[in-house]
mmCIF file of all heavy atoms, coordinates in Angstrom:
data_MODEL
# 
_entry.id   MODEL 
# 
loop_
_atom_site.group_PDB 
_atom_site.id 
_atom_site.type_symbol 
_atom_site.label_atom_id 
_atom_site.label_alt_id 
_atom_site.label_comp_id 
_atom_site.label_asym_id 
_atom_site.label_entity_id 
_atom_site.label_seq_id 
_atom_site.pdbx_PDB_ins_code 
_atom_site.Cartn_x 
_atom_site.Cartn_y 
_atom_site.Cartn_z 
_atom_site.occupancy 
_atom_site.B_iso_or_equiv 
_atom_site.pdbx_formal_charge 
_atom_site.auth_seq_id 
_atom_site.auth_comp_id 
_atom_site.auth_asym_id 
_atom_site.auth_atom_id 
_atom_site.pdbx_PDB_model_num 
ATOM 1   N N   . SER A 1 1  ? 245.575 13.504 218.010 1.00 0.00 ? 1  SER A N   1 
ATOM 2   C CA  . SER A 1 1  ? 244.409 14.164 218.594 1.00 0.00 ? 1  SER A CA  1 
ATOM 3   C C   . SER A 1 1  ? 244.765 14.914 219.877 1.00 0.00 ? 1  SER A C   1 
ATOM 4   O O   . SER A 1 1  ? 244.025 15.803 220.295 1.00 0.00 ? 1  SER A O   1 
ATOM 5   C CB  . SER A 1 1  ? 243.312 13.138 218.864 1.00 0.00 ? 1  SER A CB  1 
ATOM 6   O OG  . SER A 1 1  ? 243.759 12.183 219.813 1.00 0.00 ? 1  SER A OG  1 
ATOM 7   N N   . ALA A 1 2  ? 245.894 14.594 220.488 1.00 0.00 ? 2  ALA A N   1 
ATOM 8   C CA  . ALA A 1 2  ? 246.314 15.306 221.695 1.00 0.00 ? 2  ALA A CA  1 
ATOM 9   C C   . ALA A 1 2  ? 246.769 16.727 221.384 1.00 0.00 ? 2  ALA A C   1 
ATOM 10  O O   . ALA A 1 2  ? 246.814 17.574 222.274 1.00 0.00 ? 2  ALA A O   1 
ATOM 11  C CB  . ALA A 1 2  ? 247.438 14.551 222.387 1.00 0.00 ? 2  ALA A CB  1 
ATOM 12  N N   . PHE A 1 3  ? 247.083 17.002 220.130 1.00 0.00 ? 3  PHE A N   1 
ATOM 13  C CA  . PHE A 1 3  ? 247.562 18.318 219.750 1.00 0.00 ? 3  PHE A CA  1 
ATOM 14  C C   . PHE A 1 3  ? 246.475 19.198 219.149 1.00 0.00 ? 3  PHE A C   1 
ATOM 15  O O   . PHE A 1 3  ? 246.769 20.257 218.609 1.00 0.00 ? 3  PHE A O   1 
ATOM 16  C CB  . PHE A 1 3  ? 248.722 18.182 218.756 1.00 0.00 ? 3  PHE A CB  1 
ATOM 17  C CG  . PHE A 1 3  ? 249.902 17.469 219.341 1.00 0.00 ? 3  PHE A CG  1 
ATOM 18  C CD1 . PHE A 1 3  ? 250.197 16.182 218.942 1.00 0.00 ? 3  PHE A CD1 1 
ATOM 19  C CD2 . PHE A 1 3  ? 250.696 18.072 220.292 1.00 0.00 ? 3  PHE A CD2 1 
ATOM 20  C CE1 . PHE A 1 3  ? 251.284 15.511 219.472 1.00 0.00 ? 3  PHE A CE1 1 
ATOM 21  C CE2 . PHE A 1 3  ? 251.778 17.416 220.833 1.00 0.00 ? 3  PHE A CE2 1 
ATOM 22  C CZ  . PHE A 1 3  ? 252.074 16.126 220.424 1.00 0.00 ? 3  PHE A CZ  1 
ATOM 23  N N   . THR A 1 4  ? 245.244 18.770 219.223 1.00 0.00 ? 4  THR A N   1 
ATOM 24  C CA  . THR A 1 4  ? 244.143 19.570 218.702 1.00 0.00 ? 4  THR A CA  1 
ATOM 25  C C   . THR A 1 4  ? 243.322 20.131 219.861 1.00 0.00 ? 4  THR A C   1 
ATOM 26  O O   . THR A 1 4  ? 243.346 19.598 220.968 1.00 0.00 ? 4  THR A O   1 
ATOM 27  C CB  . THR A 1 4  ? 243.231 18.746 217.782 1.00 0.00 ? 4  THR A CB  1 
ATOM 28  O OG1 . THR A 1 4  ? 242.687 17.659 218.519 1.00 0.00 ? 4  THR A OG1 1 
ATOM 29  C CG2 . THR A 1 4  ? 243.996 18.210 216.588 1.00 0.00 ? 4  THR A CG2 1 
ATOM 30  N N   . GLN A 1 5  ? 242.615 21.192 219.586 1.00 0.00 ? 5  GLN A N   1 
ATOM 31  C CA  . GLN A 1 5  ? 241.781 21.814 220.603 1.00 0.00 ? 5  GLN A CA  1 
ATOM 32  C C   . GLN A 1 5  ? 240.463 22.199 219.944 1.00 0.00 ? 5  GLN A C   1 
ATOM 33  O O   . GLN A 1 5  ? 240.440 22.648 218.798 1.00 0.00 ? 5  GLN A O   1 
ATOM 34  C CB  . GLN A 1 5  ? 242.485 23.050 221.165 1.00 0.00 ? 5  GLN A CB  1 
ATOM 35  C CG  . GLN A 1 5  ? 241.845 23.614 222.393 1.00 0.00 ? 5  GLN A CG  1 
ATOM 36  C CD  . GLN A 1 5  ? 242.721 24.703 223.010 1.00 0.00 ? 5  GLN A CD  1 
ATOM 37  O OE1 . GLN A 1 5  ? 243.705 25.132 222.434 1.00 0.00 ? 5  GLN A OE1 1 
ATOM 38  N NE2 . GLN A 1 5  ? 242.336 25.148 224.188 1.00 0.00 ? 5  GLN A NE2 1 
ATOM 39  N N   . THR A 1 6  ? 239.390 22.011 220.675 1.00 0.00 ? 6  THR A N   1 
ATOM 40  C CA  . THR A 1 6  ? 238.066 22.288 220.130 1.00 0.00 ? 6  THR A CA  1 
ATOM 41  C C   . THR A 1 6  ? 237.476 23.508 220.833 1.00 0.00 ? 6  THR A C   1 
ATOM 42  O O   . THR A 1 6  ? 237.531 23.627 222.054 1.00 0.00 ? 6  THR A O   1 
ATOM 43  C CB  . THR A 1 6  ? 237.135 21.073 220.353 1.00 0.00 ? 6  THR A CB  1 
ATOM 44  O OG1 . THR A 1 6  ? 237.737 19.933 219.762 1.00 0.00 ? 6  THR A OG1 1 
ATOM 45  C CG2 . THR A 1 6  ? 235.781 21.312 219.740 1.00 0.00 ? 6  THR A CG2 1 
ATOM 46  N N   . TYR A 1 7  ? 236.927 24.399 220.033 1.00 0.00 ? 7  TYR A N   1 
ATOM 47  C CA  . TYR A 1 7  ? 236.242 25.570 220.560 1.00 0.00 ? 7  TYR A CA  1 
ATOM 48  C C   . TYR A 1 7  ? 234.784 25.495 220.136 1.00 0.00 ? 7  TYR A C   1 
ATOM 49  O O   . TYR A 1 7  ? 234.475 25.174 219.000 1.00 0.00 ? 7  TYR A O   1 
ATOM 50  C CB  . TYR A 1 7  ? 236.851 26.864 219.995 1.00 0.00 ? 7  TYR A CB  1 
ATOM 51  C CG  . TYR A 1 7  ? 238.251 27.126 220.474 1.00 0.00 ? 7  TYR A CG  1 
ATOM 52  C CD1 . TYR A 1 7  ? 239.342 26.755 219.702 1.00 0.00 ? 7  TYR A CD1 1 
ATOM 53  C CD2 . TYR A 1 7  ? 238.483 27.743 221.693 1.00 0.00 ? 7  TYR A CD2 1 
ATOM 54  C CE1 . TYR A 1 7  ? 240.636 26.997 220.129 1.00 0.00 ? 7  TYR A CE1 1 
ATOM 55  C CE2 . TYR A 1 7  ? 239.763 27.994 222.131 1.00 0.00 ? 7  TYR A CE2 1 
ATOM 56  C CZ  . TYR A 1 7  ? 240.844 27.614 221.349 1.00 0.00 ? 7  TYR A CZ  1 
ATOM 57  O OH  . TYR A 1 7  ? 242.106 27.863 221.774 1.00 0.00 ? 7  TYR A OH  1 
ATOM 58  N N   . ILE A 1 8  ? 233.901 25.808 221.072 1.00 0.00 ? 8  ILE A N   1 
ATOM 59  C CA  . ILE A 1 8  ? 232.466 25.837 220.785 1.00 0.00 ? 8  ILE A CA  1 
ATOM 60  C C   . ILE A 1 8  ? 231.955 27.224 221.149 1.00 0.00 ? 8  ILE A C   1 
ATOM 61  O O   . ILE A 1 8  ? 232.129 27.680 222.280 1.00 0.00 ? 8  ILE A O   1 
ATOM 62  C CB  . ILE A 1 8  ? 231.712 24.759 221.593 1.00 0.00 ? 8  ILE A CB  1 
ATOM 63  C CG1 . ILE A 1 8  ? 232.240 23.371 221.259 1.00 0.00 ? 8  ILE A CG1 1 
ATOM 64  C CG2 . ILE A 1 8  ? 230.224 24.847 221.332 1.00 0.00 ? 8  ILE A CG2 1 
ATOM 65  C CD1 . ILE A 1 8  ? 231.663 22.270 222.127 1.00 0.00 ? 8  ILE A CD1 1 
ATOM 66  N N   . ASN A 1 9  ? 231.365 27.875 220.187 1.00 0.00 ? 9  ASN A N   1 
ATOM 67  C CA  . ASN A 1 9  ? 230.773 29.194 220.439 1.00 0.00 ? 9  ASN A CA  1 
ATOM 68  C C   . ASN A 1 9  ? 229.266 29.030 220.607 1.00 0.00 ? 9  ASN A C   1 
ATOM 69  O O   . ASN A 1 9  ? 228.572 28.610 219.688 1.00 0.00 ? 9  ASN A O   1 
ATOM 70  C CB  . ASN A 1 9  ? 231.058 30.144 219.272 1.00 0.00 ? 9  ASN A CB  1 
ATOM 71  C CG  . ASN A 1 9  ? 232.526 30.487 219.174 1.00 0.00 ? 9  ASN A CG  1 
ATOM 72  O OD1 . ASN A 1 9  ? 233.197 30.621 220.180 1.00 0.00 ? 9  ASN A OD1 1 
ATOM 73  N ND2 . ASN A 1 9  ? 233.008 30.625 217.945 1.00 0.00 ? 9  ASN A ND2 1 
ATOM 74  N N   . ILE A 1 10 ? 228.786 29.360 221.800 1.00 0.00 ? 10 ILE A N   1 
ATOM 75  C CA  . ILE A 1 10 ? 227.362 29.255 222.105 1.00 0.00 ? 10 ILE A CA  1 
ATOM 76  C C   . ILE A 1 10 ? 226.902 30.603 222.649 1.00 0.00 ? 10 ILE A C   1 
ATOM 77  O O   . ILE A 1 10 ? 227.460 31.113 223.624 1.00 0.00 ? 10 ILE A O   1 
ATOM 78  C CB  . ILE A 1 10 ? 227.094 28.147 223.159 1.00 0.00 ? 10 ILE A CB  1 
ATOM 79  C CG1 . ILE A 1 10 ? 227.570 26.806 222.630 1.00 0.00 ? 10 ILE A CG1 1 
ATOM 80  C CG2 . ILE A 1 10 ? 225.615 28.104 223.517 1.00 0.00 ? 10 ILE A CG2 1 
ATOM 81  C CD1 . ILE A 1 10 ? 227.492 25.695 223.642 1.00 0.00 ? 10 ILE A CD1 1 
ATOM 82  N N   . PRO A 1 11 ? 225.904 31.198 222.017 1.00 0.00 ? 11 PRO A N   1 
ATOM 83  C CA  . PRO A 1 11 ? 225.409 32.479 222.541 1.00 0.00 ? 11 PRO A CA  1 
ATOM 84  C C   . PRO A 1 11 ? 224.635 32.262 223.845 1.00 0.00 ? 11 PRO A C   1 
ATOM 85  O O   . PRO A 1 11 ? 223.762 31.404 223.934 1.00 0.00 ? 11 PRO A O   1 
ATOM 86  C CB  . PRO A 1 11 ? 224.504 32.995 221.420 1.00 0.00 ? 11 PRO A CB  1 
ATOM 87  C CG  . PRO A 1 11 ? 224.110 31.782 220.655 1.00 0.00 ? 11 PRO A CG  1 
ATOM 88  C CD  . PRO A 1 11 ? 225.229 30.796 220.797 1.00 0.00 ? 11 PRO A CD  1 
ATOM 89  N N   . ILE A 1 12 ? 224.993 33.021 224.860 1.00 0.00 ? 12 ILE A N   1 
ATOM 90  C CA  . ILE A 1 12 ? 224.323 32.934 226.160 1.00 0.00 ? 12 ILE A CA  1 
ATOM 91  C C   . ILE A 1 12 ? 223.815 34.330 226.517 1.00 0.00 ? 12 ILE A C   1 
ATOM 92  O O   . ILE A 1 12 ? 224.557 35.316 226.465 1.00 0.00 ? 12 ILE A O   1 
ATOM 93  C CB  . ILE A 1 12 ? 225.283 32.429 227.258 1.00 0.00 ? 12 ILE A CB  1 
ATOM 94  C CG1 . ILE A 1 12 ? 225.739 31.012 226.937 1.00 0.00 ? 12 ILE A CG1 1 
ATOM 95  C CG2 . ILE A 1 12 ? 224.626 32.484 228.620 1.00 0.00 ? 12 ILE A CG2 1 
ATOM 96  C CD1 . ILE A 1 12 ? 226.759 30.467 227.898 1.00 0.00 ? 12 ILE A CD1 1 
ATOM 97  N N   . THR A 1 13 ? 222.559 34.388 226.883 1.00 0.00 ? 13 THR A N   1 
ATOM 98  C CA  . THR A 1 13 ? 221.952 35.656 227.289 1.00 0.00 ? 13 THR A CA  1 
ATOM 99  C C   . THR A 1 13 ? 222.006 35.754 228.806 1.00 0.00 ? 13 THR A C   1 
ATOM 100 O O   . THR A 1 13 ? 221.558 34.858 229.518 1.00 0.00 ? 13 THR A O   1 
ATOM 101 C CB  . THR A 1 13 ? 220.493 35.732 226.817 1.00 0.00 ? 13 THR A CB  1 
ATOM 102 O OG1 . THR A 1 13 ? 220.460 35.476 225.411 1.00 0.00 ? 13 THR A OG1 1 
ATOM 103 C CG2 . THR A 1 13 ? 219.901 37.086 227.105 1.00 0.00 ? 13 THR A CG2 1 
ATOM 104 N N   . LEU A 1 14 ? 222.580 36.838 229.289 1.00 0.00 ? 14 LEU A N   1 
ATOM 105 C CA  . LEU A 1 14 ? 222.679 37.053 230.732 1.00 0.00 ? 14 LEU A CA  1 
ATOM 106 C C   . LEU A 1 14 ? 221.689 38.135 231.151 1.00 0.00 ? 14 LEU A C   1 
ATOM 107 O O   . LEU A 1 14 ? 221.593 39.183 230.530 1.00 0.00 ? 14 LEU A O   1 
ATOM 108 C CB  . LEU A 1 14 ? 224.097 37.490 231.110 1.00 0.00 ? 14 LEU A CB  1 
ATOM 109 C CG  . LEU A 1 14 ? 225.216 36.498 230.815 1.00 0.00 ? 14 LEU A CG  1 
ATOM 110 C CD1 . LEU A 1 14 ? 226.562 37.115 231.154 1.00 0.00 ? 14 LEU A CD1 1 
ATOM 111 C CD2 . LEU A 1 14 ? 225.015 35.230 231.622 1.00 0.00 ? 14 LEU A CD2 1 
ATOM 112 N N   . ASN A 1 15 ? 220.968 37.864 232.224 1.00 0.00 ? 15 ASN A N   1 
ATOM 113 C CA  . ASN A 1 15 ? 220.054 38.863 232.803 1.00 0.00 ? 15 ASN A CA  1 
ATOM 114 C C   . ASN A 1 15 ? 220.841 39.761 233.755 1.00 0.00 ? 15 ASN A C   1 
ATOM 115 O O   . ASN A 1 15 ? 221.796 39.330 234.396 1.00 0.00 ? 15 ASN A O   1 
ATOM 116 C CB  . ASN A 1 15 ? 218.912 38.183 233.559 1.00 0.00 ? 15 ASN A CB  1 
ATOM 117 C CG  . ASN A 1 15 ? 218.046 37.351 232.638 1.00 0.00 ? 15 ASN A CG  1 
ATOM 118 O OD1 . ASN A 1 15 ? 217.952 37.641 231.453 1.00 0.00 ? 15 ASN A OD1 1 
ATOM 119 N ND2 . ASN A 1 15 ? 217.414 36.332 233.193 1.00 0.00 ? 15 ASN A ND2 1 
ATOM 120 N N   . GLN A 1 16 ? 220.424 40.964 233.866 1.00 0.00 ? 16 GLN A N   1 
ATOM 121 C CA  . GLN A 1 16 ? 221.106 41.912 234.744 1.00 0.00 ? 16 GLN A CA  1 
ATOM 122 C C   . GLN A 1 16 ? 221.064 41.446 236.196 1.00 0.00 ? 16 GLN A C   1 
ATOM 123 O O   . GLN A 1 16 ? 222.039 41.604 236.920 1.00 0.00 ? 16 GLN A O   1 
ATOM 124 C CB  . GLN A 1 16 ? 220.466 43.310 234.615 1.00 0.00 ? 16 GLN A CB  1 
ATOM 125 C CG  . GLN A 1 16 ? 221.172 44.388 235.406 1.00 0.00 ? 16 GLN A CG  1 
ATOM 126 C CD  . GLN A 1 16 ? 222.575 44.664 234.882 1.00 0.00 ? 16 GLN A CD  1 
ATOM 127 O OE1 . GLN A 1 16 ? 222.826 44.579 233.694 1.00 0.00 ? 16 GLN A OE1 1 
ATOM 128 N NE2 . GLN A 1 16 ? 223.475 44.989 235.786 1.00 0.00 ? 16 GLN A NE2 1 
ATOM 129 N N   . ASP A 1 17 ? 219.969 40.837 236.616 1.00 0.00 ? 17 ASP A N   1 
ATOM 130 C CA  . ASP A 1 17 ? 219.839 40.371 238.002 1.00 0.00 ? 17 ASP A CA  1 
ATOM 131 C C   . ASP A 1 17 ? 220.857 39.269 238.300 1.00 0.00 ? 17 ASP A C   1 
ATOM 132 O O   . ASP A 1 17 ? 221.452 39.238 239.380 1.00 0.00 ? 17 ASP A O   1 
ATOM 133 C CB  . ASP A 1 17 ? 218.418 39.844 238.257 1.00 0.00 ? 17 ASP A CB  1 
ATOM 134 C CG  . ASP A 1 17 ? 217.365 40.943 238.108 1.00 0.00 ? 17 ASP A CG  1 
ATOM 135 O OD1 . ASP A 1 17 ? 217.735 42.121 238.315 1.00 0.00 ? 17 ASP A OD1 1 
ATOM 136 O OD2 . ASP A 1 17 ? 216.216 40.608 237.780 1.00 0.00 ? 17 ASP A OD2 1 
ATOM 137 N N   . GLU A 1 18 ? 221.058 38.367 237.331 1.00 0.00 ? 18 GLU A N   1 
ATOM 138 C CA  . GLU A 1 18 ? 222.032 37.274 237.545 1.00 0.00 ? 18 GLU A CA  1 
ATOM 139 C C   . GLU A 1 18 ? 223.454 37.817 237.647 1.00 0.00 ? 18 GLU A C   1 
ATOM 140 O O   . GLU A 1 18 ? 224.255 37.359 238.463 1.00 0.00 ? 18 GLU A O   1 
ATOM 141 C CB  . GLU A 1 18 ? 221.940 36.248 236.406 1.00 0.00 ? 18 GLU A CB  1 
ATOM 142 C CG  . GLU A 1 18 ? 220.641 35.462 236.380 1.00 0.00 ? 18 GLU A CG  1 
ATOM 143 C CD  . GLU A 1 18 ? 220.563 34.541 235.177 1.00 0.00 ? 18 GLU A CD  1 
ATOM 144 O OE1 . GLU A 1 18 ? 221.271 34.792 234.177 1.00 0.00 ? 18 GLU A OE1 1 
ATOM 145 O OE2 . GLU A 1 18 ? 219.801 33.573 235.236 1.00 0.00 ? 18 GLU A OE2 1 
ATOM 146 N N   . VAL A 1 19 ? 223.787 38.799 236.798 1.00 0.00 ? 19 VAL A N   1 
ATOM 147 C CA  . VAL A 1 19 ? 225.134 39.371 236.809 1.00 0.00 ? 19 VAL A CA  1 
ATOM 148 C C   . VAL A 1 19 ? 225.364 40.120 238.111 1.00 0.00 ? 19 VAL A C   1 
ATOM 149 O O   . VAL A 1 19 ? 226.429 40.007 238.729 1.00 0.00 ? 19 VAL A O   1 
ATOM 150 C CB  . VAL A 1 19 ? 225.339 40.292 235.590 1.00 0.00 ? 19 VAL A CB  1 
ATOM 151 C CG1 . VAL A 1 19 ? 226.674 41.026 235.678 1.00 0.00 ? 19 VAL A CG1 1 
ATOM 152 C CG2 . VAL A 1 19 ? 225.246 39.498 234.298 1.00 0.00 ? 19 VAL A CG2 1 
ATOM 153 N N   . ASP A 1 20 ? 224.375 40.891 238.578 1.00 0.00 ? 20 ASP A N   1 
ATOM 154 C CA  . ASP A 1 20 ? 224.509 41.623 239.843 1.00 0.00 ? 20 ASP A CA  1 
ATOM 155 C C   . ASP A 1 20 ? 224.677 40.670 241.007 1.00 0.00 ? 20 ASP A C   1 
ATOM 156 O O   . ASP A 1 20 ? 225.479 40.908 241.909 1.00 0.00 ? 20 ASP A O   1 
ATOM 157 C CB  . ASP A 1 20 ? 223.293 42.526 240.081 1.00 0.00 ? 20 ASP A CB  1 
ATOM 158 C CG  . ASP A 1 20 ? 223.255 43.705 239.113 1.00 0.00 ? 20 ASP A CG  1 
ATOM 159 O OD1 . ASP A 1 20 ? 224.328 44.038 238.562 1.00 0.00 ? 20 ASP A OD1 1 
ATOM 160 O OD2 . ASP A 1 20 ? 222.167 44.271 238.914 1.00 0.00 ? 20 ASP A OD2 1 
ATOM 161 N N   . ALA A 1 21 ? 223.942 39.563 240.976 1.00 0.00 ? 21 ALA A N   1 
ATOM 162 C CA  . ALA A 1 21 ? 224.059 38.583 242.059 1.00 0.00 ? 21 ALA A CA  1 
ATOM 163 C C   . ALA A 1 21 ? 225.427 37.920 242.025 1.00 0.00 ? 21 ALA A C   1 
ATOM 164 O O   . ALA A 1 21 ? 226.016 37.625 243.071 1.00 0.00 ? 21 ALA A O   1 
ATOM 165 C CB  . ALA A 1 21 ? 222.957 37.530 241.935 1.00 0.00 ? 21 ALA A CB  1 
ATOM 166 N N   . ALA A 1 22 ? 225.981 37.703 240.811 1.00 0.00 ? 22 ALA A N   1 
ATOM 167 C CA  . ALA A 1 22 ? 227.297 37.081 240.691 1.00 0.00 ? 22 ALA A CA  1 
ATOM 168 C C   . ALA A 1 22 ? 228.390 38.025 241.174 1.00 0.00 ? 22 ALA A C   1 
ATOM 169 O O   . ALA A 1 22 ? 229.351 37.608 241.807 1.00 0.00 ? 22 ALA A O   1 
ATOM 170 C CB  . ALA A 1 22 ? 227.553 36.673 239.232 1.00 0.00 ? 22 ALA A CB  1 
ATOM 171 N N   . GLU A 1 23 ? 228.251 39.316 240.896 1.00 0.00 ? 23 GLU A N   1 
ATOM 172 C CA  . GLU A 1 23 ? 229.260 40.285 241.329 1.00 0.00 ? 23 GLU A CA  1 
ATOM 173 C C   . GLU A 1 23 ? 229.213 40.497 242.823 1.00 0.00 ? 23 GLU A C   1 
ATOM 174 O O   . GLU A 1 23 ? 230.218 40.821 243.438 1.00 0.00 ? 23 GLU A O   1 
ATOM 175 C CB  . GLU A 1 23 ? 229.077 41.598 240.580 1.00 0.00 ? 23 GLU A CB  1 
ATOM 176 C CG  . GLU A 1 23 ? 229.465 41.494 239.118 1.00 0.00 ? 23 GLU A CG  1 
ATOM 177 C CD  . GLU A 1 23 ? 229.226 42.783 238.361 1.00 0.00 ? 23 GLU A CD  1 
ATOM 178 O OE1 . GLU A 1 23 ? 228.738 43.761 238.979 1.00 0.00 ? 23 GLU A OE1 1 
ATOM 179 O OE2 . GLU A 1 23 ? 229.526 42.814 237.183 1.00 0.00 ? 23 GLU A OE2 1 
ATOM 180 N N   . ALA A 1 24 ? 228.061 40.327 243.431 1.00 0.00 ? 24 ALA A N   1 
ATOM 181 C CA  . ALA A 1 24 ? 227.940 40.498 244.873 1.00 0.00 ? 24 ALA A CA  1 
ATOM 182 C C   . ALA A 1 24 ? 228.524 39.298 245.615 1.00 0.00 ? 24 ALA A C   1 
ATOM 183 O O   . ALA A 1 24 ? 228.911 39.412 246.771 1.00 0.00 ? 24 ALA A O   1 
ATOM 184 C CB  . ALA A 1 24 ? 226.472 40.672 245.255 1.00 0.00 ? 24 ALA A CB  1 
ATOM 185 N N   . SER A 1 25 ? 228.624 38.182 244.934 1.00 0.00 ? 25 SER A N   1 
ATOM 186 C CA  . SER A 1 25 ? 229.145 36.957 245.545 1.00 0.00 ? 25 SER A CA  1 
ATOM 187 C C   . SER A 1 25 ? 230.658 37.088 245.761 1.00 0.00 ? 25 SER A C   1 
ATOM 188 O O   . SER A 1 25 ? 231.361 37.758 245.012 1.00 0.00 ? 25 SER A O   1 
ATOM 189 C CB  . SER A 1 25 ? 228.811 35.768 244.644 1.00 0.00 ? 25 SER A CB  1 
ATOM 190 O OG  . SER A 1 25 ? 229.638 34.687 244.928 1.00 0.00 ? 25 SER A OG  1 
ATOM 191 N N   . PHE A 1 26 ? 231.172 36.452 246.795 1.00 0.00 ? 26 PHE A N   1 
ATOM 192 C CA  . PHE A 1 26 ? 232.601 36.508 247.106 1.00 0.00 ? 26 PHE A CA  1 
ATOM 193 C C   . PHE A 1 26 ? 233.419 35.756 246.057 1.00 0.00 ? 26 PHE A C   1 
ATOM 194 O O   . PHE A 1 26 ? 234.456 36.228 245.618 1.00 0.00 ? 26 PHE A O   1 
ATOM 195 C CB  . PHE A 1 26 ? 232.849 35.940 248.516 1.00 0.00 ? 26 PHE A CB  1 
ATOM 196 C CG  . PHE A 1 26 ? 234.294 35.954 248.915 1.00 0.00 ? 26 PHE A CG  1 
ATOM 197 C CD1 . PHE A 1 26 ? 234.914 37.150 249.264 1.00 0.00 ? 26 PHE A CD1 1 
ATOM 198 C CD2 . PHE A 1 26 ? 235.031 34.798 248.927 1.00 0.00 ? 26 PHE A CD2 1 
ATOM 199 C CE1 . PHE A 1 26 ? 236.238 37.182 249.620 1.00 0.00 ? 26 PHE A CE1 1 
ATOM 200 C CE2 . PHE A 1 26 ? 236.360 34.834 249.292 1.00 0.00 ? 26 PHE A CE2 1 
ATOM 201 C CZ  . PHE A 1 26 ? 236.967 36.021 249.640 1.00 0.00 ? 26 PHE A CZ  1 
# 
């Protein structure tokens, strides 16, 4: 089991305001 890796695909919707606030952050 140490040689396996799990991937989870979850759709996430991002708002433009959240992305702009994240880019403005240091």
